[in-house]
């Protein structure tokens, strides 16, 4: 399942974070980072998935 989350994290970072932690602070942080720049959103999403 982690591979699917990582694929979603590259395509749409908030979706990967949502699948990992649901709607919470990390989800909203990822949306903000993705809006500020696509790459920071991807890095944050991969970090969240790898951390758990």
C-alpha atoms as a PDB file:
ATOM      1  CA  UNK A   1       0.000   0.000   0.000  1.00  0.00           C
ATOM      2  CA  UNK A   2       2.939   2.350   0.597  1.00  0.00           C
ATOM      3  CA  UNK A   3       3.904   2.152  -3.072  1.00  0.00           C
ATOM      4  CA  UNK A   4       0.411   3.286  -4.082  1.00  0.00           C
ATOM      5  CA  UNK A   5       0.645   6.189  -1.622  1.00  0.00           C
ATOM      6  CA  UNK A   6       4.045   7.183  -2.999  1.00  0.00           C
ATOM      7  CA  UNK A   7       2.706   7.155  -6.556  1.00  0.00           C
ATOM      8  CA  UNK A   8      -0.227   9.341  -5.489  1.00  0.00           C
ATOM      9  CA  UNK A   9       2.233  11.619  -3.675  1.00  0.00           C
ATOM     10  CA  UNK A  10       4.118  12.303  -6.873  1.00  0.00           C
ATOM     11  CA  UNK A  11       0.968  12.827  -8.937  1.00  0.00           C
ATOM     12  CA  UNK A  12      -1.076  14.729  -6.327  1.00  0.00           C
ATOM     13  CA  UNK A  13       0.756  15.229  -3.014  1.00  0.00           C
ATOM     14  CA  UNK A  14      -2.258  16.047  -0.785  1.00  0.00           C
ATOM     15  CA  UNK A  15      -3.949  12.805  -1.848  1.00  0.00           C
ATOM     16  CA  UNK A  16      -0.975  10.740  -0.686  1.00  0.00           C
ATOM     17  CA  UNK A  17      -0.969  12.515   2.676  1.00  0.00           C
ATOM     18  CA  UNK A  18      -4.736  12.110   3.000  1.00  0.00           C
ATOM     19  CA  UNK A  19      -4.453   8.361   2.424  1.00  0.00           C
ATOM     20  CA  UNK A  20      -1.774   8.164   5.128  1.00  0.00           C
ATOM     21  CA  UNK A  21      -3.079  10.431   7.906  1.00  0.00           C
ATOM     22  CA  UNK A  22      -6.570  11.583   6.905  1.00  0.00           C
ATOM     23  CA  UNK A  23      -7.700  15.172   7.270  1.00  0.00           C
ATOM     24  CA  UNK A  24      -5.497  16.682   9.921  1.00  0.00           C
ATOM     25  CA  UNK A  25      -2.775  19.275  10.348  1.00  0.00           C
ATOM     26  CA  UNK A  26      -0.319  17.432   8.086  1.00  0.00           C
ATOM     27  CA  UNK A  27      -2.909  17.352   5.288  1.00  0.00           C
ATOM     28  CA  UNK A  28      -3.474  21.115   5.454  1.00  0.00           C
ATOM     29  CA  UNK A  29       0.265  21.804   5.651  1.00  0.00           C
ATOM     30  CA  UNK A  30       0.734  19.708   2.530  1.00  0.00           C
ATOM     31  CA  UNK A  31      -1.981  21.592   0.656  1.00  0.00           C
ATOM     32  CA  UNK A  32      -0.291  24.870   1.571  1.00  0.00           C
ATOM     33  CA  UNK A  33       3.136  23.595   0.489  1.00  0.00           C
ATOM     34  CA  UNK A  34       1.717  22.259  -2.773  1.00  0.00           C
ATOM     35  CA  UNK A  35       0.103  25.608  -3.526  1.00  0.00           C
ATOM     36  CA  UNK A  36       3.370  27.423  -2.785  1.00  0.00           C
ATOM     37  CA  UNK A  37       5.330  25.045  -4.991  1.00  0.00           C
ATOM     38  CA  UNK A  38       4.768  21.589  -6.330  1.00  0.00           C
ATOM     39  CA  UNK A  39       8.162  20.219  -5.263  1.00  0.00           C
ATOM     40  CA  UNK A  40       7.848  21.162  -1.552  1.00  0.00           C
ATOM     41  CA  UNK A  41       4.467  19.404  -1.512  1.00  0.00           C
ATOM     42  CA  UNK A  42       5.997  16.236  -2.956  1.00  0.00           C
ATOM     43  CA  UNK A  43       8.896  16.287  -0.495  1.00  0.00           C
ATOM     44  CA  UNK A  44       6.555  16.757   2.460  1.00  0.00           C
ATOM     45  CA  UNK A  45       4.210  13.986   1.269  1.00  0.00           C
ATOM     46  CA  UNK A  46       7.038  11.491   0.783  1.00  0.00           C
ATOM     47  CA  UNK A  47       8.433  12.418   4.200  1.00  0.00           C
ATOM     48  CA  UNK A  48       5.052  11.837   5.884  1.00  0.00           C
ATOM     49  CA  UNK A  49       4.624   8.456   4.179  1.00  0.00           C
ATOM     50  CA  UNK A  50       8.187   7.317   4.912  1.00  0.00           C
ATOM     51  CA  UNK A  51       7.965   8.426   8.541  1.00  0.00           C
ATOM     52  CA  UNK A  52       5.022   6.125   9.344  1.00  0.00           C
END
